Structure formats: structure tokens, C-alpha cells
Protein backbone atom coordinates (compact mmCIF):
# COMPACT_ATOMS: atom_id res chain seq x y z
CA MET A 1 -0.15 0.00 0.06
CA ALA A 2 1.07 3.53 -0.48
CA LYS A 3 1.75 5.80 2.36
CA GLY A 4 -0.22 8.70 3.09
CA GLY A 5 -3.72 9.87 1.88
CA LYS A 6 -2.88 11.30 -1.40
CA ASP A 7 -1.48 9.49 -4.52
CA ALA A 8 2.09 10.54 -5.35
CA ARG A 9 1.17 10.22 -9.23
CA VAL A 10 -0.77 12.62 -10.89
CA THR A 11 -1.86 13.23 -14.50
CA VAL A 12 -0.77 16.46 -16.28
CA ILE A 13 -1.15 18.10 -19.79
CA LEU A 14 1.88 19.36 -21.46
CA GLN A 15 1.31 22.16 -23.97
CA CYS A 16 3.97 23.72 -26.72
CA THR A 17 5.32 26.93 -25.68
CA SER A 18 6.16 28.11 -29.28
CA CYS A 19 2.40 27.63 -30.57
CA VAL A 20 1.27 29.67 -27.69
CA ARG A 21 3.62 32.59 -28.36
CA LYS A 22 2.44 32.60 -32.26
CA GLY A 23 -0.94 33.72 -30.81
CA ILE A 24 -2.71 30.80 -32.16
CA ASN A 25 -6.35 30.44 -30.33
CA LYS A 26 -5.97 28.01 -27.66
CA ARG A 27 -9.18 26.50 -28.30
CA SER A 28 -8.27 25.33 -31.90
CA THR A 29 -6.72 22.24 -33.04
CA GLY A 30 -3.40 24.02 -33.77
CA ILE A 31 -1.68 23.52 -30.33
CA SER A 32 0.09 20.43 -29.42
CA ARG A 33 -0.87 18.83 -26.16
CA TYR A 34 0.43 15.62 -24.40
CA ILE A 35 -0.95 13.74 -21.29
CA THR A 36 1.46 12.17 -19.15
CA GLN A 37 2.21 11.52 -15.44
CA LYS A 38 4.56 12.78 -12.83
CA ASN A 39 5.36 12.14 -9.28
CA ARG A 40 4.13 15.15 -7.38
CA HIS A 41 6.77 14.29 -4.40
CA ASN A 42 9.75 14.21 -6.58
CA THR A 43 8.97 16.86 -9.18
CA SER A 44 7.04 19.61 -7.30
CA SER A 45 7.39 22.59 -10.15
CA ARG A 46 6.03 22.50 -13.35
CA LEU A 47 7.27 19.94 -15.86
CA GLU A 48 9.26 20.73 -19.17
CA LEU A 49 9.95 18.29 -21.62
CA ARG A 50 11.04 18.34 -25.26
CA LYS A 51 8.59 16.80 -27.59
CA PHE A 52 7.44 17.00 -31.01
CA CYS A 53 4.89 19.59 -32.17
CA PRO A 54 3.00 18.44 -35.45
CA CYS A 55 2.11 22.14 -36.00
CA CYS A 56 5.54 23.81 -35.73
CA LEU A 57 7.08 20.41 -37.45
CA LYS A 58 10.05 20.18 -35.30
CA HIS A 59 10.76 19.43 -31.60
CA THR A 60 9.90 22.26 -28.93
CA ILE A 61 9.66 22.52 -25.45
CA HIS A 62 6.40 21.32 -23.88
CA ARG A 63 5.30 22.90 -20.61
CA GLU A 64 2.84 21.45 -18.00
CA ILE A 65 -0.40 23.63 -17.72
CA LYS A 66 -3.23 23.74 -15.26
CA LYS A 67 -6.44 21.59 -16.05
């Protein structure tokens, strides 16, 4: 069993930072988003990963956003 009342793993959404800077509407399909999990005890800050963006057609930094 896990220690504590809260689960350590949480689901987070990663969003492309360069698409947001270009001014594309957030609700359009022009923003690349990935869903992943992180351990909140080990990584308390926002998660940043380099992922492929199909809109930009290159690898860019994807940053964690609020749900």
C-alpha cells in the first residue's frame, strides 16, 4: 500500500510553448498537447519536456498547464 492519503502520481497536460507564443487560439486544433504522469513528491515544480509538435513540425519545449 502507498503511504499517505494522496496519490503520489498525478496526470498532467503538456502544451507546446512556441504555438502559444505565435498567438494561435488556445481552443483551436493548432496547439500540440500531450498527456503524461509525474510524481508530485519528486517533481513539485512544473514539468518541461522536449516533444515533437506537429503544428511547428519540429521538437519544441512542452510545459505543464493547469487543467
